[in-house]
């Protein structure tokens, strides 16, 4: 049987694992129940399994029957602080939810481990299965890199791949990616504007931080439209603005929080500089002080051209050419898998999981409390993970042998 045929026989088990993960979502870097489920799913597969020290990660190594390089496959495991409203009979009953599909990623990667373990005699090299917590804003990938995930086999991976399910825009079962920038960089900013409180009827005797904070929010949008190249775009979105206690009290301070997205180092540097100068300038004009906490969260996710083309060819061969789509522009979301493929060549690939019968462009999106993902993609997702590793190892071995023959 082919790997894809073997994967089809696992569909029921993958659904069961996905639903078990979905019922008990966990947030951040510490996911003990999720980790336990993953360890159980990997038990008996003959893997070298390790767990993280600063986070609930699982790193599993499969040694191939023949020597060769290493390929890394990654799946993230954490959920979001979203109250689920899907009405599914396996919905989470807590103030958190797998609203971004990481439960599917984890199940597919566990399925790939099972498939490749059964075909270890065909592997010319080793595979690292990277089960990662803390993707949603906690930089779990960076922490796993710090703990040595890229050196788990003793040699750095020649390639790394990750799948990410999408609950809208892409039909169920269609894989999609692009060469080069695939997802944006993300920065997070908190700006605290400090003045002097007073009575609302006498603002001239106070230093009101609220108008200044509001002016900053608007000035930042003007800064983007006038200082940033429209062909190298950035986005600044202020998602939180807080101040005051009641209508006739001028508060001492106000604060707002923003996300900043960009697609190139040049745009990133320019928007950060513009943000800082704009906010400080407005504060100075109002005679107020300002504190800015500007954190660079994730860099741009940049797909390697050759690895992306390899992934496209693999999907087309095992699933059919109609199951691959080239994206013409990068997405506005961000990913800490960017850290992995900044170190080794690799590709992140989207997998459509829009529910059958839903309108592709109107289905609830990732991060929505109504987001539903089509579980029928699990088997093929596991098969693609496995085939990417198997074929990439074979490709590297063939290249090495040709090089060796050429030097003899």
Protein backbone atom coordinates (compact mmCIF):
# COMPACT_ATOMS: atom_id res chain seq x y z
CA UNK A 1 0.00 0.00 0.00
CA UNK A 2 1.08 3.57 -0.65
CA UNK A 3 1.52 6.02 2.19
CA UNK A 4 -1.65 7.82 1.16
CA UNK A 5 -3.59 4.53 1.20
CA UNK A 6 -2.12 3.73 4.62
CA UNK A 7 -3.13 7.19 5.81
CA UNK A 8 -6.73 6.60 4.76
CA UNK A 9 -6.88 3.64 7.15
CA UNK A 10 -5.83 5.98 9.99
CA UNK A 11 -8.59 8.52 9.38
CA UNK A 12 -10.78 7.28 12.21
CA UNK A 13 -7.90 7.30 14.70
CA UNK A 14 -6.86 10.79 13.62
CA UNK A 15 -10.39 12.09 14.08
CA UNK A 16 -10.51 10.53 17.52
CA UNK A 17 -7.20 12.14 18.53
CA UNK A 18 -8.20 15.50 17.08
CA UNK A 19 -11.47 15.52 19.00
CA UNK A 20 -9.78 14.51 22.24
CA UNK A 21 -7.40 17.44 21.82
CA UNK A 22 -10.27 19.75 20.88
CA UNK A 23 -12.24 18.91 24.03
CA UNK A 24 -9.33 19.87 26.29
CA UNK A 25 -7.60 22.90 24.79
CA UNK A 26 -4.64 24.42 26.61
CA UNK A 27 -2.97 27.82 26.28
CA UNK A 28 0.57 29.03 26.03
CA UNK A 29 3.75 27.12 26.69
CA UNK A 30 2.56 24.63 29.27
CA UNK A 31 0.18 22.03 27.85
CA UNK A 32 0.47 18.98 30.12
CA UNK A 33 -2.71 17.19 29.00
CA UNK A 34 -1.95 17.86 25.34
CA UNK A 35 1.60 16.62 25.78
CA UNK A 36 0.31 13.47 27.46
CA UNK A 37 -2.02 12.75 24.53
CA UNK A 38 0.82 13.20 22.05
CA UNK A 39 3.13 10.93 24.00
CA UNK A 40 0.41 8.27 24.09
CA UNK A 41 -0.10 8.58 20.33
CA UNK A 42 3.64 8.11 19.73
CA UNK A 43 4.09 5.24 22.14
CA UNK A 44 5.33 2.03 20.55
CA UNK A 45 6.49 3.60 17.28
CA UNK A 46 10.18 3.13 17.98
CA UNK A 47 10.92 6.85 18.20
CA UNK A 48 13.50 8.65 20.29
CA UNK A 49 11.21 10.92 22.30
CA UNK A 50 12.19 13.91 24.40
CA UNK A 51 10.22 16.62 26.15
CA UNK A 52 11.03 20.26 26.77
CA UNK A 53 12.28 21.80 29.98
CA UNK A 54 10.88 25.34 29.68
CA UNK A 55 7.75 24.30 27.79
CA UNK A 56 5.57 21.22 27.20
CA UNK A 57 7.11 20.37 23.86
CA UNK A 58 7.64 16.93 22.38
CA UNK A 59 10.56 16.22 20.06
CA UNK A 60 10.48 12.77 18.46
CA UNK A 61 13.20 11.37 16.20
CA UNK A 62 12.70 8.55 13.73
CA UNK A 63 15.92 6.95 12.54
CA UNK A 64 15.78 5.64 9.00
CA UNK A 65 17.08 2.26 7.89
CA UNK A 66 19.87 3.92 5.92
CA UNK A 67 22.14 6.83 6.85
CA UNK A 68 21.33 10.22 5.44
CA UNK A 69 20.34 13.78 6.32
CA UNK A 70 17.52 15.07 8.52
CA UNK A 71 14.11 16.53 7.67
CA UNK A 72 11.97 18.31 10.27
CA UNK A 73 8.15 18.31 10.37
CA UNK A 74 6.40 20.72 12.72
CA UNK A 75 2.92 20.83 14.25
CA UNK A 76 1.80 23.39 16.83
CA UNK A 77 -0.42 22.34 19.73
CA UNK A 78 -1.76 25.36 21.66
CA UNK A 79 -5.24 26.88 21.66
CA UNK A 80 -6.63 30.42 21.97
CA UNK A 81 -8.49 32.28 24.77
CA UNK A 82 -11.74 32.12 22.78
CA UNK A 83 -15.09 30.85 24.10
CA UNK A 84 -16.30 28.28 21.59
CA UNK A 85 -19.73 28.74 19.97
CA UNK A 86 -19.64 26.05 17.27
CA UNK A 87 -22.24 23.79 18.86
CA UNK A 88 -20.14 20.71 18.06
CA UNK A 89 -20.73 17.75 20.34
CA UNK A 90 -16.99 17.70 21.12
CA UNK A 91 -16.74 21.46 21.65
CA UNK A 92 -14.50 22.77 24.42
CA UNK A 93 -16.36 23.64 27.59
CA UNK A 94 -13.97 26.26 28.87
CA UNK A 95 -12.85 29.80 28.13
CA UNK A 96 -10.48 28.54 25.45
CA UNK A 97 -10.77 26.88 22.06
CA UNK A 98 -8.76 25.33 19.24
CA UNK A 99 -9.97 28.14 17.00
CA UNK A 100 -6.88 28.06 14.78
CA UNK A 101 -6.84 24.34 14.00
CA UNK A 102 -3.74 23.39 15.96
CA UNK A 103 -5.55 20.26 17.13
CA UNK A 104 -5.65 19.16 13.49
CA UNK A 105 -1.96 19.95 13.04
CA UNK A 106 -1.08 17.83 16.06
CA UNK A 107 -3.21 14.90 14.91
CA UNK A 108 -1.79 15.04 11.37
CA UNK A 109 1.79 15.13 12.63
CA UNK A 110 1.13 12.17 14.94
CA UNK A 111 -0.35 10.38 11.94
CA UNK A 112 2.77 11.15 9.90
CA UNK A 113 4.92 9.68 12.67
CA UNK A 114 2.87 6.49 12.54
CA UNK A 115 3.07 6.31 8.75
CA UNK A 116 6.81 6.90 8.57
CA UNK A 117 7.51 4.47 11.40
CA UNK A 118 5.76 1.80 9.35
CA UNK A 119 7.94 2.73 6.35
CA UNK A 120 11.22 3.34 8.19
CA UNK A 121 12.92 0.78 5.94
CA UNK A 122 12.46 3.27 3.06
CA UNK A 123 14.01 6.22 4.89
CA UNK A 124 17.49 7.31 3.87
CA UNK A 125 18.02 9.56 6.88
CA UNK A 126 16.18 10.77 9.95
CA UNK A 127 12.97 12.67 10.67
CA UNK A 128 12.33 15.09 13.52
CA UNK A 129 8.70 15.52 14.60
CA UNK A 130 8.43 18.90 16.31
CA UNK A 131 5.30 19.13 18.49
CA UNK A 132 5.32 22.76 19.58
CA UNK A 133 3.41 24.69 22.26
CA UNK A 134 3.07 28.43 22.43
CA UNK A 135 2.66 29.49 18.80
CA UNK A 136 -0.09 31.96 19.65
CA UNK A 137 2.11 34.80 20.82
CA UNK A 138 4.48 32.90 23.14
CA UNK A 139 7.30 32.16 20.66
CA UNK A 140 7.27 28.44 21.34
CA UNK A 141 9.32 27.80 18.21
CA UNK A 142 12.05 30.13 19.41
CA UNK A 143 12.16 28.37 22.77
CA UNK A 144 12.35 24.95 21.11
CA UNK A 145 15.22 26.23 18.96
CA UNK A 146 16.94 27.40 22.15
CA UNK A 147 16.52 23.89 23.56
CA UNK A 148 18.12 22.32 20.51
CA UNK A 149 15.30 20.96 18.35
CA UNK A 150 17.32 21.59 15.18
CA UNK A 151 20.12 19.39 16.51
CA UNK A 152 17.91 16.56 17.76
CA UNK A 153 19.44 14.00 15.37
CA UNK A 154 22.98 15.27 15.57
CA UNK A 155 22.81 17.03 12.21
CA UNK A 156 20.85 20.10 11.16
CA UNK A 157 17.81 19.48 8.96
CA UNK A 158 18.24 19.97 5.24
CA UNK A 159 14.58 21.00 5.08
CA UNK A 160 11.62 21.78 7.35
CA UNK A 161 7.90 21.79 6.60
CA UNK A 162 4.72 22.81 8.39
CA UNK A 163 1.05 22.58 7.43
CA UNK A 164 -1.57 25.06 8.61
CA UNK A 165 -5.30 24.50 8.17
CA UNK A 166 -7.52 27.36 7.04
CA UNK A 167 -11.26 27.44 7.77
CA UNK A 168 -12.14 29.78 4.89
CA UNK A 169 -10.85 31.07 1.53
CA UNK A 170 -9.41 27.68 0.49
CA UNK A 171 -11.65 24.70 -0.37
CA UNK A 172 -11.28 21.62 1.81
CA UNK A 173 -8.35 19.45 0.78
CA UNK A 174 -6.54 22.06 -1.35
CA UNK A 175 -2.92 22.79 -0.40
CA UNK A 176 -1.58 26.29 -1.11
CA UNK A 177 1.62 28.26 -0.69
CA UNK A 178 3.88 30.77 -2.37
CA UNK A 179 7.60 31.23 -2.84
CA UNK A 180 9.23 33.92 -0.72
CA UNK A 181 7.29 35.89 1.91
CA UNK A 182 4.30 33.78 2.96
CA UNK A 183 3.20 35.49 6.18
CA UNK A 184 3.98 38.87 7.72
CA UNK A 185 6.26 39.83 10.57
CA UNK A 186 4.41 40.78 13.74
CA UNK A 187 5.30 43.33 16.41
CA UNK A 188 3.24 44.16 19.48
CA UNK A 189 3.23 47.61 21.04
CA UNK A 190 1.85 49.07 24.26
CA UNK A 191 1.83 52.85 24.55
CA UNK A 192 1.14 54.50 27.92
CA UNK A 193 0.39 58.24 27.85
CA UNK A 194 0.86 59.99 31.21
CA UNK A 195 -0.57 63.33 32.18
CA UNK A 196 -2.17 64.84 35.27
CA UNK A 197 -5.72 64.06 36.30
CA UNK A 198 -8.36 66.56 37.28
CA UNK A 199 -11.99 67.61 37.11
CA UNK A 200 -13.71 67.14 33.77
CA UNK A 201 -15.12 70.65 33.91
CA UNK A 202 -11.65 72.25 34.10
CA UNK A 203 -9.39 70.50 31.59
CA UNK A 204 -7.10 73.54 31.42
CA UNK A 205 -5.97 72.75 34.95
CA UNK A 206 -5.10 69.14 34.10
CA UNK A 207 -3.02 67.36 31.48
CA UNK A 208 -5.54 65.15 29.71
CA UNK A 209 -3.96 62.00 28.18
CA UNK A 210 -7.11 60.89 26.34
CA UNK A 211 -7.11 63.37 23.42
CA UNK A 212 -3.40 62.77 22.94
CA UNK A 213 -3.88 58.99 22.85
CA UNK A 214 -6.70 59.39 20.32
CA UNK A 215 -4.55 61.69 18.21
CA UNK A 216 -1.74 59.13 18.29
CA UNK A 217 -4.02 56.41 16.96
CA UNK A 218 -5.08 58.57 14.02
CA UNK A 219 -1.58 59.94 13.39
CA UNK A 220 -0.20 56.42 13.12
CA UNK A 221 -2.60 55.67 10.26
CA UNK A 222 -1.53 58.86 8.48
CA UNK A 223 2.10 57.96 9.05
CA UNK A 224 1.56 54.60 7.31
CA UNK A 225 -0.18 56.16 4.32
CA UNK A 226 2.45 58.86 3.86
CA UNK A 227 5.74 57.28 4.94
CA UNK A 228 5.48 53.65 3.77
CA UNK A 229 5.91 52.37 0.22
CA UNK A 230 2.55 51.04 -0.99
CA UNK A 231 4.41 48.23 -2.80
CA UNK A 232 5.94 47.05 0.50
CA UNK A 233 2.95 47.44 2.78
CA UNK A 234 2.57 47.54 6.53
CA UNK A 235 -0.47 47.45 8.79
CA UNK A 236 -0.90 49.11 12.17
CA UNK A 237 -4.04 48.11 14.03
CA UNK A 238 -4.87 49.44 17.48
CA UNK A 239 -6.87 46.69 19.11
CA UNK A 240 -7.23 48.09 22.64
CA UNK A 241 -7.64 51.61 24.03
CA UNK A 242 -8.23 52.18 27.74
CA UNK A 243 -8.59 55.25 29.93
CA UNK A 244 -10.59 56.74 32.75
CA UNK A 245 -13.27 55.70 35.21
CA UNK A 246 -16.22 58.04 34.62
CA UNK A 247 -17.41 60.99 32.57
CA UNK A 248 -16.30 63.91 34.76
CA UNK A 249 -12.87 62.64 35.80
CA UNK A 250 -9.77 63.34 33.73
CA UNK A 251 -7.46 60.38 34.32
CA UNK A 252 -3.74 60.47 34.96
CA UNK A 253 -3.01 58.11 32.09
CA UNK A 254 -4.34 56.31 29.05
CA UNK A 255 -2.90 53.40 27.14
CA UNK A 256 -3.42 51.58 23.89
CA UNK A 257 -2.11 48.35 22.37
CA UNK A 258 -1.35 47.76 18.71
CA UNK A 259 -0.15 45.09 16.32
CA UNK A 260 2.25 46.02 13.52
CA UNK A 261 2.61 43.82 10.41
CA UNK A 262 5.26 44.06 7.70
CA UNK A 263 6.75 41.93 4.92
CA UNK A 264 10.38 43.02 4.57
CA UNK A 265 13.28 44.12 6.80
CA UNK A 266 13.21 47.57 5.17
CA UNK A 267 9.50 48.10 5.83
CA UNK A 268 9.88 46.71 9.35
CA UNK A 269 12.65 49.18 10.21
CA UNK A 270 10.79 52.11 8.65
CA UNK A 271 7.47 51.46 10.37
CA UNK A 272 9.10 50.94 13.76
CA UNK A 273 11.01 54.22 13.45
CA UNK A 274 7.89 56.02 12.24
CA UNK A 275 5.78 54.59 15.06
CA UNK A 276 8.18 55.72 17.76
CA UNK A 277 8.71 59.21 16.33
CA UNK A 278 4.98 59.78 15.75
CA UNK A 279 3.92 58.81 19.24
CA UNK A 280 6.70 60.77 20.92
CA UNK A 281 5.98 63.81 18.78
CA UNK A 282 2.28 63.88 19.65
CA UNK A 283 3.06 63.44 23.34
CA UNK A 284 5.54 66.33 23.24
CA UNK A 285 3.01 68.56 21.47
CA UNK A 286 0.55 67.99 24.32
CA UNK A 287 3.13 68.39 27.08
CA UNK A 288 2.73 64.78 28.17
CA UNK A 289 5.14 61.94 28.81
CA UNK A 290 4.88 58.63 27.02
CA UNK A 291 6.20 55.12 27.62
CA UNK A 292 6.46 52.75 24.64
CA UNK A 293 6.94 49.00 24.98
CA UNK A 294 7.72 47.85 21.43
CA UNK A 295 8.25 44.09 21.13
CA UNK A 296 9.31 42.40 17.91
CA UNK A 297 7.29 39.19 18.10
CA UNK A 298 7.80 37.10 14.93
CA UNK A 299 9.81 37.77 11.75
CA UNK A 300 8.46 37.37 8.22
CA UNK A 301 7.75 33.75 7.28
CA UNK A 302 9.82 33.32 4.13
CA UNK A 303 9.35 30.11 2.13
CA UNK A 304 12.42 28.80 0.36
CA UNK A 305 11.77 28.75 -3.40
CA UNK A 306 13.13 25.26 -4.00
CA UNK A 307 11.44 23.68 -0.98
CA UNK A 308 8.11 25.26 -1.89
CA UNK A 309 8.36 23.97 -5.46
CA UNK A 310 9.27 20.54 -4.08
CA UNK A 311 6.20 20.60 -1.83
CA UNK A 312 3.97 21.61 -4.76
CA UNK A 313 5.30 18.74 -6.89
CA UNK A 314 4.84 16.27 -4.02
CA UNK A 315 1.22 17.27 -3.42
CA UNK A 316 0.42 17.20 -7.14
CA UNK A 317 1.88 13.73 -7.53
CA UNK A 318 0.23 12.05 -4.56
CA UNK A 319 -3.08 13.96 -4.40
CA UNK A 320 -3.49 15.28 -7.94
CA UNK A 321 -2.56 18.63 -9.53
CA UNK A 322 -6.01 20.05 -8.76
CA UNK A 323 -5.15 19.82 -5.06
CA UNK A 324 -2.40 22.44 -5.26
CA UNK A 325 -2.85 26.21 -5.62
CA UNK A 326 -0.19 28.91 -5.89
CA UNK A 327 -0.97 31.97 -3.78
CA UNK A 328 -0.31 35.29 -5.50
CA UNK A 329 0.31 37.31 -2.33
CA UNK A 330 1.33 36.66 1.27
CA UNK A 331 -1.11 36.41 4.13
CA UNK A 332 -1.37 39.04 6.84
CA UNK A 333 -1.10 36.59 9.73
CA UNK A 334 2.20 35.73 11.41
CA UNK A 335 3.88 32.51 12.53
CA UNK A 336 6.80 31.51 14.72
CA UNK A 337 7.64 28.72 12.25
CA UNK A 338 9.36 31.68 10.60
CA UNK A 339 12.16 31.15 13.11
CA UNK A 340 12.69 27.56 11.97
CA UNK A 341 12.88 28.34 8.26
CA UNK A 342 15.12 31.30 8.92
CA UNK A 343 17.64 28.72 10.13
CA UNK A 344 17.07 25.92 7.59
CA UNK A 345 15.41 25.90 4.15
CA UNK A 346 11.73 25.10 4.37
CA UNK A 347 8.14 25.91 3.58
CA UNK A 348 4.88 26.54 5.37
CA UNK A 349 1.88 25.25 3.44
CA UNK A 350 -1.77 26.15 3.93
CA UNK A 351 -4.35 23.36 3.84
CA UNK A 352 -7.94 24.29 3.13
CA UNK A 353 -10.35 22.90 5.71
CA UNK A 354 -13.45 24.94 4.92
CA UNK A 355 -16.46 22.82 5.94
CA UNK A 356 -18.19 21.07 3.07
CA UNK A 357 -21.31 23.05 2.14
CA UNK A 358 -20.02 26.33 3.58
CA UNK A 359 -19.32 29.29 1.31
CA UNK A 360 -15.55 29.42 0.99
CA UNK A 361 -15.31 33.20 1.42
CA UNK A 362 -17.98 33.49 4.09
CA UNK A 363 -17.23 30.62 6.48
CA UNK A 364 -16.06 31.73 9.94
CA UNK A 365 -12.34 32.41 9.82
CA UNK A 366 -9.52 31.08 11.98
CA UNK A 367 -9.67 32.56 15.51
CA UNK A 368 -13.46 32.94 15.33
CA UNK A 369 -15.51 31.29 18.12
CA UNK A 370 -17.57 29.81 15.26
CA UNK A 371 -14.61 28.38 13.32
CA UNK A 372 -15.16 24.79 12.16
CA UNK A 373 -12.53 22.73 10.33
CA UNK A 374 -13.33 19.86 7.99
CA UNK A 375 -11.84 16.72 9.52
CA UNK A 376 -11.75 14.95 6.16
CA UNK A 377 -8.39 16.64 5.51
CA UNK A 378 -6.65 14.79 8.34
CA UNK A 379 -5.57 11.67 6.45
CA UNK A 380 -4.22 13.55 3.43
CA UNK A 381 -2.49 16.06 5.70
CA UNK A 382 -0.71 13.20 7.48
CA UNK A 383 0.17 11.61 4.13
CA UNK A 384 1.63 14.85 2.75
CA UNK A 385 3.71 15.38 5.89
CA UNK A 386 5.06 11.83 5.54
CA UNK A 387 5.70 12.02 1.81
CA UNK A 388 7.49 15.35 2.13
CA UNK A 389 9.95 13.79 4.58
CA UNK A 390 10.36 10.53 2.69
CA UNK A 391 10.88 12.13 -0.71
CA UNK A 392 13.06 14.96 0.54
CA UNK A 393 15.43 12.52 2.21
CA UNK A 394 15.58 10.46 -0.96
CA UNK A 395 16.27 13.59 -2.99
CA UNK A 396 19.16 14.62 -0.74
CA UNK A 397 20.62 11.13 -0.87
CA UNK A 398 20.42 11.08 -4.67
CA UNK A 399 22.13 14.47 -4.86
CA UNK A 400 24.88 13.34 -2.50
CA UNK A 401 25.49 10.16 -4.47
CA UNK A 402 25.67 12.08 -7.76
CA UNK A 403 28.13 14.53 -6.23
CA UNK A 404 30.27 11.70 -4.86
CA UNK A 405 30.33 9.92 -8.22
CA UNK A 406 31.31 13.17 -9.89
CA UNK A 407 34.39 13.57 -7.64
CA UNK A 408 35.69 10.05 -8.08
